[in-house]
Amino acid sequence: MISVRSSQERGYAEHGWLKSYHSFSFADYHDPRHMGFGPLRVINEDWIDPGMGFGTHGHRDMEIITYVLEGEIAHKDSMGNGSVIRPGDVQRMSAGTGVMHSEFNASQQNSAHLLQIWIMPDRGGIAPSYEEKNFSREDKLGRLKLVASPDAEDGAVKIHQDARLYVGLFDGEQQASLNLAKGRLAYVHVARGELTVNGVALKTGDAVKLQEEELLSIEQGKQAEVLVFDLPV
């Protein structure tokens, strides 16, 4: 079964310096039909004005992944980490028993465009931790590159959940497929461009949920960047 979540159906919030689309219920946006998908709880697409951002705030018992599409994000946290996240970087912060952090647009001239992803961990109360890795354009070109997984295989960042995140860039005749084990879910989010998933045409911001499907197939990309989540029920 395949169901489409179109870009225009997402929740939207504007706070002057921040514009954000919510794929799932978040903050003031609440839709009981879209509370998450398996352990995938949040995909927020944010545009942050130059020099602005989220002041120090706390999280706990959540796997938080930041994926920058344009610009750069300055991160600081109570574990002592401080870095600037740029396109190609995948940042994972396991909030566990509790962590404080801040995120700001590191540029005073240009906007930042990113996806913030929350995945519920497979257990609570773990020690907070942080990880960051870079994946080049070549890593993702015409294929689904594993960037987050529970076993950190193939150079992926480690998350505390039986979930896997793949990222790919597709254009023209490039195509890729992913076998889905019985009982697994898949969620596909088109970050930009256009492509088809199992024959369903999608544009920037669109997503599809796959349930009881054995194969996920991506083709007919037009300057597309896509995130694919392989998830437990």
C-alpha atoms as a PDB file:
ATOM      1  CA  MET A   1       0.000   0.000   0.000  1.00  0.00           C
ATOM      2  CA  ILE A   2       1.303   3.421  -0.965  1.00  0.00           C
ATOM      3  CA  SER A   3      -0.118   6.721   0.281  1.00  0.00           C
ATOM      4  CA  VAL A   4       1.018  10.199  -0.747  1.00  0.00           C
ATOM      5  CA  ARG A   5       1.645  13.079   1.644  1.00  0.00           C
ATOM      6  CA  SER A   6       1.765  16.144  -0.610  1.00  0.00           C
ATOM      7  CA  SER A   7       3.893  19.153   0.229  1.00  0.00           C
ATOM      8  CA  GLN A   8       0.877  21.457   0.404  1.00  0.00           C
ATOM      9  CA  GLU A   9      -0.819  19.272   3.029  1.00  0.00           C
ATOM     10  CA  ARG A  10       1.942  19.726   5.573  1.00  0.00           C
ATOM     11  CA  GLY A  11       1.584  21.997   8.565  1.00  0.00           C
ATOM     12  CA  TYR A  12       3.155  25.449   8.205  1.00  0.00           C
ATOM     13  CA  ALA A  13       4.474  27.929  10.752  1.00  0.00           C
ATOM     14  CA  GLU A  14       6.038  31.342  10.250  1.00  0.00           C
ATOM     15  CA  HIS A  15       7.798  33.171  13.079  1.00  0.00           C
ATOM     16  CA  GLY A  16       9.418  36.059  11.227  1.00  0.00           C
ATOM     17  CA  TRP A  17      12.960  34.692  11.208  1.00  0.00           C
ATOM     18  CA  LEU A  18      11.780  31.082  10.769  1.00  0.00           C
ATOM     19  CA  LYS A  19       9.599  29.444   8.147  1.00  0.00           C
ATOM     20  CA  SER A  20       8.844  25.780   8.750  1.00  0.00           C
ATOM     21  CA  TYR A  21       6.844  22.981   7.137  1.00  0.00           C
ATOM     22  CA  HIS A  22       5.869  20.073   9.397  1.00  0.00           C
ATOM     23  CA  SER A  23       5.366  16.617   7.892  1.00  0.00           C
ATOM     24  CA  PHE A  24       3.961  15.391  11.226  1.00  0.00           C
ATOM     25  CA  SER A  25       2.168  17.053  14.130  1.00  0.00           C
ATOM     26  CA  PHE A  26       4.543  19.472  15.836  1.00  0.00           C
ATOM     27  CA  ALA A  27       4.152  22.463  18.187  1.00  0.00           C
ATOM     28  CA  ASP A  28       0.922  24.322  17.259  1.00  0.00           C
ATOM     29  CA  TYR A  29       0.247  22.062  14.265  1.00  0.00           C
ATOM     30  CA  HIS A  30      -1.794  19.034  15.256  1.00  0.00           C
ATOM     31  CA  ASP A  31      -3.329  16.459  12.942  1.00  0.00           C
ATOM     32  CA  PRO A  32      -4.286  13.101  14.499  1.00  0.00           C
ATOM     33  CA  ARG A  33      -3.856  11.466  11.069  1.00  0.00           C
ATOM     34  CA  HIS A  34      -0.176  12.500  10.980  1.00  0.00           C
ATOM     35  CA  MET A  35       1.388  11.894  14.374  1.00  0.00           C
ATOM     36  CA  GLY A  36       4.383  10.007  12.968  1.00  0.00           C
ATOM     37  CA  PHE A  37       5.145   6.870  11.016  1.00  0.00           C
ATOM     38  CA  GLY A  38       6.580   3.977  12.973  1.00  0.00           C
ATOM     39  CA  PRO A  39       9.285   5.533  15.180  1.00  0.00           C
ATOM     40  CA  LEU A  40       9.707   8.471  12.740  1.00  0.00           C
ATOM     41  CA  ARG A  41       8.197  11.346  14.688  1.00  0.00           C
ATOM     42  CA  VAL A  42       9.322  14.630  13.065  1.00  0.00           C
ATOM     43  CA  ILE A  43      10.457  15.936   9.698  1.00  0.00           C
ATOM     44  CA  ASN A  44      10.575  19.714   9.811  1.00  0.00           C
ATOM     45  CA  GLU A  45      11.755  21.640   6.762  1.00  0.00           C
ATOM     46  CA  ASP A  46      13.135  24.923   8.085  1.00  0.00           C
ATOM     47  CA  TRP A  47      14.312  28.166   6.515  1.00  0.00           C
ATOM     48  CA  ILE A  48      16.251  30.295   9.033  1.00  0.00           C
ATOM     49  CA  ASP A  49      17.126  33.952   8.443  1.00  0.00           C
ATOM     50  CA  PRO A  50      20.777  35.081   8.608  1.00  0.00           C
ATOM     51  CA  GLY A  51      22.167  35.140  12.134  1.00  0.00           C
ATOM     52  CA  MET A  52      18.955  33.811  13.674  1.00  0.00           C
ATOM     53  CA  GLY A  53      18.135  30.471  15.247  1.00  0.00           C
ATOM     54  CA  PHE A  54      17.050  28.431  18.232  1.00  0.00           C
ATOM     55  CA  GLY A  55      18.491  29.505  21.585  1.00  0.00           C
ATOM     56  CA  THR A  56      19.544  26.982  24.203  1.00  0.00           C
ATOM     57  CA  HIS A  57      16.770  24.468  24.846  1.00  0.00           C
ATOM     58  CA  GLY A  58      16.469  20.893  26.020  1.00  0.00           C
ATOM     59  CA  HIS A  59      15.597  17.455  24.630  1.00  0.00           C
ATOM     60  CA  ARG A  60      15.473  13.967  26.062  1.00  0.00           C
ATOM     61  CA  ASP A  61      14.856  10.422  24.788  1.00  0.00           C
ATOM     62  CA  MET A  62      14.974  11.319  21.088  1.00  0.00           C
ATOM     63  CA  GLU A  63      17.340  10.649  18.180  1.00  0.00           C
ATOM     64  CA  ILE A  64      17.745  13.989  16.386  1.00  0.00           C
ATOM     65  CA  ILE A  65      19.223  14.155  12.889  1.00  0.00           C
ATOM     66  CA  THR A  66      20.037  17.430  11.135  1.00  0.00           C
ATOM     67  CA  TYR A  67      20.460  17.462   7.353  1.00  0.00           C
ATOM     68  CA  VAL A  68      21.421  20.798   5.799  1.00  0.00           C
ATOM     69  CA  LEU A  69      20.290  21.510   2.240  1.00  0.00           C
ATOM     70  CA  GLU A  70      21.695  25.045   1.894  1.00  0.00           C
ATOM     71  CA  GLY A  71      23.748  27.315   4.113  1.00  0.00           C
ATOM     72  CA  GLU A  72      25.318  26.387   7.440  1.00  0.00           C
ATOM     73  CA  ILE A  73      24.121  25.773  10.984  1.00  0.00           C
ATOM     74  CA  ALA A  74      26.193  26.464  14.107  1.00  0.00           C
ATOM     75  CA  HIS A  75      25.580  23.885  16.846  1.00  0.00           C
ATOM     76  CA  LYS A  76      26.561  23.967  20.528  1.00  0.00           C
ATOM     77  CA  ASP A  77      25.473  21.578  23.261  1.00  0.00           C
ATOM     78  CA  SER A  78      25.875  20.753  26.946  1.00  0.00           C
ATOM     79  CA  MET A  79      28.124  17.793  26.086  1.00  0.00           C
ATOM     80  CA  GLY A  80      30.793  20.262  24.951  1.00  0.00           C
ATOM     81  CA  ASN A  81      30.280  19.852  21.218  1.00  0.00           C
ATOM     82  CA  GLY A  82      30.458  22.844  18.910  1.00  0.00           C
ATOM     83  CA  SER A  83      30.554  22.718  15.130  1.00  0.00           C
ATOM     84  CA  VAL A  84      29.170  24.161  11.900  1.00  0.00           C
ATOM     85  CA  ILE A  85      26.986  21.799   9.858  1.00  0.00           C
ATOM     86  CA  ARG A  86      27.022  22.266   6.082  1.00  0.00           C
ATOM     87  CA  PRO A  87      25.452  20.514   3.072  1.00  0.00           C
ATOM     88  CA  GLY A  88      26.728  16.940   2.917  1.00  0.00           C
ATOM     89  CA  ASP A  89      27.017  16.670   6.696  1.00  0.00           C
ATOM     90  CA  VAL A  90      24.747  14.413   8.737  1.00  0.00           C
ATOM     91  CA  GLN A  91      24.546  15.326  12.415  1.00  0.00           C
ATOM     92  CA  ARG A  92      23.110  12.911  14.992  1.00  0.00           C
ATOM     93  CA  MET A  93      22.418  13.859  18.568  1.00  0.00           C
ATOM     94  CA  SER A  94      21.027  11.257  20.954  1.00  0.00           C
ATOM     95  CA  ALA A  95      19.275  13.258  23.671  1.00  0.00           C
ATOM     96  CA  GLY A  96      18.917  10.293  26.030  1.00  0.00           C
ATOM     97  CA  THR A  97      18.678  11.318  29.693  1.00  0.00           C
ATOM     98  CA  GLY A  98      18.764  14.973  28.665  1.00  0.00           C
ATOM     99  CA  VAL A  99      20.819  17.470  26.689  1.00  0.00           C
ATOM    100  CA  MET A 100      20.761  21.229  26.123  1.00  0.00           C
ATOM    101  CA  HIS A 101      21.732  22.690  22.771  1.00  0.00           C
ATOM    102  CA  SER A 102      21.411  25.680  20.465  1.00  0.00           C
ATOM    103  CA  GLU A 103      21.259  25.981  16.674  1.00  0.00           C
ATOM    104  CA  PHE A 104      21.835  29.178  14.738  1.00  0.00           C
ATOM    105  CA  ASN A 105      22.320  30.176  11.129  1.00  0.00           C
ATOM    106  CA  ALA A 106      26.106  30.645  11.028  1.00  0.00           C
ATOM    107  CA  SER A 107      25.883  33.206   8.213  1.00  0.00           C
ATOM    108  CA  GLN A 108      25.019  36.879   8.631  1.00  0.00           C
ATOM    109  CA  GLN A 109      24.206  37.220   4.925  1.00  0.00           C
ATOM    110  CA  ASN A 110      22.478  34.057   3.697  1.00  0.00           C
ATOM    111  CA  SER A 111      19.472  32.013   4.772  1.00  0.00           C
ATOM    112  CA  ALA A 112      19.883  28.402   5.897  1.00  0.00           C
ATOM    113  CA  HIS A 113      17.629  25.597   4.652  1.00  0.00           C
ATOM    114  CA  LEU A 114      17.575  22.296   6.510  1.00  0.00           C
ATOM    115  CA  LEU A 115      15.628  19.224   7.532  1.00  0.00           C
ATOM    116  CA  GLN A 116      15.374  18.380  11.200  1.00  0.00           C
ATOM    117  CA  ILE A 117      14.394  14.766  11.848  1.00  0.00           C
ATOM    118  CA  TRP A 118      13.351  13.131  15.097  1.00  0.00           C
ATOM    119  CA  ILE A 119      13.268   9.363  15.540  1.00  0.00           C
ATOM    120  CA  MET A 120      12.052   7.787  18.763  1.00  0.00           C
ATOM    121  CA  PRO A 121      14.779   5.585  20.300  1.00  0.00           C
ATOM    122  CA  ASP A 122      14.277   1.899  21.011  1.00  0.00           C
ATOM    123  CA  ARG A 123      14.810   2.536  24.720  1.00  0.00           C
ATOM    124  CA  GLY A 124      14.835   5.470  27.100  1.00  0.00           C
ATOM    125  CA  GLY A 125      17.453   6.697  29.507  1.00  0.00           C
ATOM    126  CA  ILE A 126      20.602   6.197  27.427  1.00  0.00           C
ATOM    127  CA  ALA A 127      23.610   8.457  27.879  1.00  0.00           C
ATOM    128  CA  PRO A 128      23.487  11.511  25.591  1.00  0.00           C
ATOM    129  CA  SER A 129      25.895  11.383  22.651  1.00  0.00           C
ATOM    130  CA  TYR A 130      26.798  13.223  19.467  1.00  0.00           C
ATOM    131  CA  GLU A 131      28.141  12.292  16.049  1.00  0.00           C
ATOM    132  CA  GLU A 132      28.710  14.061  12.749  1.00  0.00           C
ATOM    133  CA  LYS A 133      29.866  12.742   9.364  1.00  0.00           C
ATOM    134  CA  ASN A 134      30.179  14.108   5.848  1.00  0.00           C
ATOM    135  CA  PHE A 135      28.862  12.335   2.761  1.00  0.00           C
ATOM    136  CA  SER A 136      30.030  13.695  -0.573  1.00  0.00           C
ATOM    137  CA  ARG A 137      27.878  14.303  -3.630  1.00  0.00           C
ATOM    138  CA  GLU A 138      29.602  11.325  -5.264  1.00  0.00           C
ATOM    139  CA  ASP A 139      28.542   9.111  -2.336  1.00  0.00           C
ATOM    140  CA  LYS A 140      24.884   9.816  -3.122  1.00  0.00           C
ATOM    141  CA  LEU A 141      24.853  10.268  -6.893  1.00  0.00           C
ATOM    142  CA  GLY A 142      22.508   7.791  -8.598  1.00  0.00           C
ATOM    143  CA  ARG A 143      22.230   5.577  -5.515  1.00  0.00           C
ATOM    144  CA  LEU A 144      20.762   5.335  -2.039  1.00  0.00           C
ATOM    145  CA  LYS A 145      23.596   5.953   0.396  1.00  0.00           C
ATOM    146  CA  LEU A 146      23.120   4.717   3.951  1.00  0.00           C
ATOM    147  CA  VAL A 147      23.800   7.648   6.302  1.00  0.00           C
ATOM    148  CA  ALA A 148      22.210   6.522   9.610  1.00  0.00           C
ATOM    149  CA  SER A 149      21.634   3.050  11.047  1.00  0.00           C
ATOM    150  CA  PRO A 150      21.662   1.100  14.348  1.00  0.00           C
ATOM    151  CA  ASP A 151      24.923  -0.656  13.472  1.00  0.00           C
ATOM    152  CA  ALA A 152      26.726   2.309  11.864  1.00  0.00           C
ATOM    153  CA  GLU A 153      27.606   0.116   8.900  1.00  0.00           C
ATOM    154  CA  ASP A 154      29.105   1.558   5.684  1.00  0.00           C
ATOM    155  CA  GLY A 155      30.243   4.664   7.537  1.00  0.00           C
ATOM    156  CA  ALA A 156      26.759   5.694   8.686  1.00  0.00           C
ATOM    157  CA  VAL A 157      26.124   7.561  11.919  1.00  0.00           C
ATOM    158  CA  LYS A 158      24.727   5.347  14.682  1.00  0.00           C
ATOM    159  CA  ILE A 159      21.135   5.758  15.865  1.00  0.00           C
ATOM    160  CA  HIS A 160      19.487   3.949  18.764  1.00  0.00           C
ATOM    161  CA  GLN A 161      16.596   2.466  16.819  1.00  0.00           C
ATOM    162  CA  ASP A 162      16.128  -0.332  14.266  1.00  0.00           C
ATOM    163  CA  ALA A 163      15.765   2.257  11.498  1.00  0.00           C
ATOM    164  CA  ARG A 164      17.880   3.207   8.522  1.00  0.00           C
ATOM    165  CA  LEU A 165      18.123   6.486   6.645  1.00  0.00           C
ATOM    166  CA  TYR A 166      19.326   6.616   3.050  1.00  0.00           C
ATOM    167  CA  VAL A 167      19.985   9.716   0.933  1.00  0.00           C
ATOM    168  CA  GLY A 168      20.229   9.830  -2.853  1.00  0.00           C
ATOM    169  CA  LEU A 169      20.656  12.237  -5.764  1.00  0.00           C
ATOM    170  CA  PHE A 170      18.873  11.300  -8.996  1.00  0.00           C
ATOM    171  CA  ASP A 171      18.695  12.870 -12.431  1.00  0.00           C
ATOM    172  CA  GLY A 172      17.856  11.569 -15.881  1.00  0.00           C
ATOM    173  CA  GLU A 173      18.166   7.801 -16.255  1.00  0.00           C
ATOM    174  CA  GLN A 174      19.632   7.185 -12.792  1.00  0.00           C
ATOM    175  CA  GLN A 175      17.590   4.757 -10.708  1.00  0.00           C
ATOM    176  CA  ALA A 176      17.846   2.708  -7.534  1.00  0.00           C
ATOM    177  CA  SER A 177      15.830   0.192  -5.562  1.00  0.00           C
ATOM    178  CA  LEU A 178      15.625  -1.002  -1.978  1.00  0.00           C
ATOM    179  CA  ASN A 179      14.310  -4.351  -0.794  1.00  0.00           C
ATOM    180  CA  LEU A 180      11.895  -4.035   2.120  1.00  0.00           C
ATOM    181  CA  ALA A 181      11.724  -6.888   4.607  1.00  0.00           C
ATOM    182  CA  LYS A 182       8.354  -8.268   5.605  1.00  0.00           C
ATOM    183  CA  GLY A 183       6.729  -6.184   8.297  1.00  0.00           C
ATOM    184  CA  ARG A 184       8.843  -3.097   7.580  1.00  0.00           C
ATOM    185  CA  LEU A 185       7.652   0.410   6.691  1.00  0.00           C
ATOM    186  CA  ALA A 186       9.250   2.899   4.328  1.00  0.00           C
ATOM    187  CA  TYR A 187       8.881   6.661   4.204  1.00  0.00           C
ATOM    188  CA  VAL A 188      10.246   8.672   1.270  1.00  0.00           C
ATOM    189  CA  HIS A 189      10.664  12.454   1.450  1.00  0.00           C
ATOM    190  CA  VAL A 190      11.636  14.479  -1.632  1.00  0.00           C
ATOM    191  CA  ALA A 191      13.878  17.288  -0.407  1.00  0.00           C
ATOM    192  CA  ARG A 192      14.073  18.902  -3.853  1.00  0.00           C
ATOM    193  CA  GLY A 193      13.481  18.179  -7.502  1.00  0.00           C
ATOM    194  CA  GLU A 194      11.184  15.529  -8.911  1.00  0.00           C
ATOM    195  CA  LEU A 195      11.177  11.725  -9.199  1.00  0.00           C
ATOM    196  CA  THR A 196       8.912   8.695  -9.119  1.00  0.00           C
ATOM    197  CA  VAL A 197       8.645   6.145  -6.313  1.00  0.00           C
ATOM    198  CA  ASN A 198       7.073   2.849  -7.392  1.00  0.00           C
ATOM    199  CA  GLY A 199       5.579   4.728 -10.318  1.00  0.00           C
ATOM    200  CA  VAL A 200       4.123   7.563  -8.215  1.00  0.00           C
ATOM    201  CA  ALA A 201       5.263  11.016  -9.387  1.00  0.00           C
ATOM    202  CA  LEU A 202       6.520  13.290  -6.594  1.00  0.00           C
ATOM    203  CA  LYS A 203       7.757  16.868  -6.423  1.00  0.00           C
ATOM    204  CA  THR A 204       9.713  18.940  -3.892  1.00  0.00           C
ATOM    205  CA  GLY A 205       8.300  18.514  -0.407  1.00  0.00           C
ATOM    206  CA  ASP A 206       6.124  15.524  -1.297  1.00  0.00           C
ATOM    207  CA  ALA A 207       6.399  12.213   0.522  1.00  0.00           C
ATOM    208  CA  VAL A 208       5.038   8.682   0.312  1.00  0.00           C
ATOM    209  CA  LYS A 209       4.343   6.060   2.961  1.00  0.00           C
ATOM    210  CA  LEU A 210       4.879   2.434   1.947  1.00  0.00           C
ATOM    211  CA  GLN A 211       3.315  -0.423   3.899  1.00  0.00           C
ATOM    212  CA  GLU A 212       3.335  -4.121   2.983  1.00  0.00           C
ATOM    213  CA  GLU A 213       5.529  -3.429  -0.049  1.00  0.00           C
ATOM    214  CA  GLU A 214       8.473  -5.688  -0.914  1.00  0.00           C
ATOM    215  CA  LEU A 215      10.410  -3.260  -3.098  1.00  0.00           C
ATOM    216  CA  LEU A 216      10.967   0.481  -3.236  1.00  0.00           C
ATOM    217  CA  SER A 217      11.947   1.744  -6.685  1.00  0.00           C
ATOM    218  CA  ILE A 218      13.207   5.249  -7.541  1.00  0.00           C
ATOM    219  CA  GLU A 219      13.545   6.564 -11.097  1.00  0.00           C
ATOM    220  CA  GLN A 220      12.811   9.462 -13.487  1.00  0.00           C
ATOM    221  CA  GLY A 221      14.660  11.957 -11.318  1.00  0.00           C
ATOM    222  CA  LYS A 222      14.896  15.613 -12.229  1.00  0.00           C
ATOM    223  CA  GLN A 223      17.646  17.187 -10.107  1.00  0.00           C
ATOM    224  CA  ALA A 224      16.179  15.268  -7.164  1.00  0.00           C
ATOM    225  CA  GLU A 225      17.482  14.852  -3.640  1.00  0.00           C
ATOM    226  CA  VAL A 226      15.582  12.255  -1.643  1.00  0.00           C
ATOM    227  CA  LEU A 227      15.579  10.797   1.878  1.00  0.00           C
ATOM    228  CA  VAL A 228      14.387   7.209   2.381  1.00  0.00           C
ATOM    229  CA  PHE A 229      13.572   5.782   5.825  1.00  0.00           C
ATOM    230  CA  ASP A 230      13.419   2.002   6.383  1.00  0.00           C
ATOM    231  CA  LEU A 231      11.453   1.627   9.601  1.00  0.00           C
ATOM    232  CA  PRO A 232      10.023  -0.929  12.014  1.00  0.00           C
ATOM    233  CA  VAL A 233       6.271  -0.978  12.576  1.00  0.00           C
END
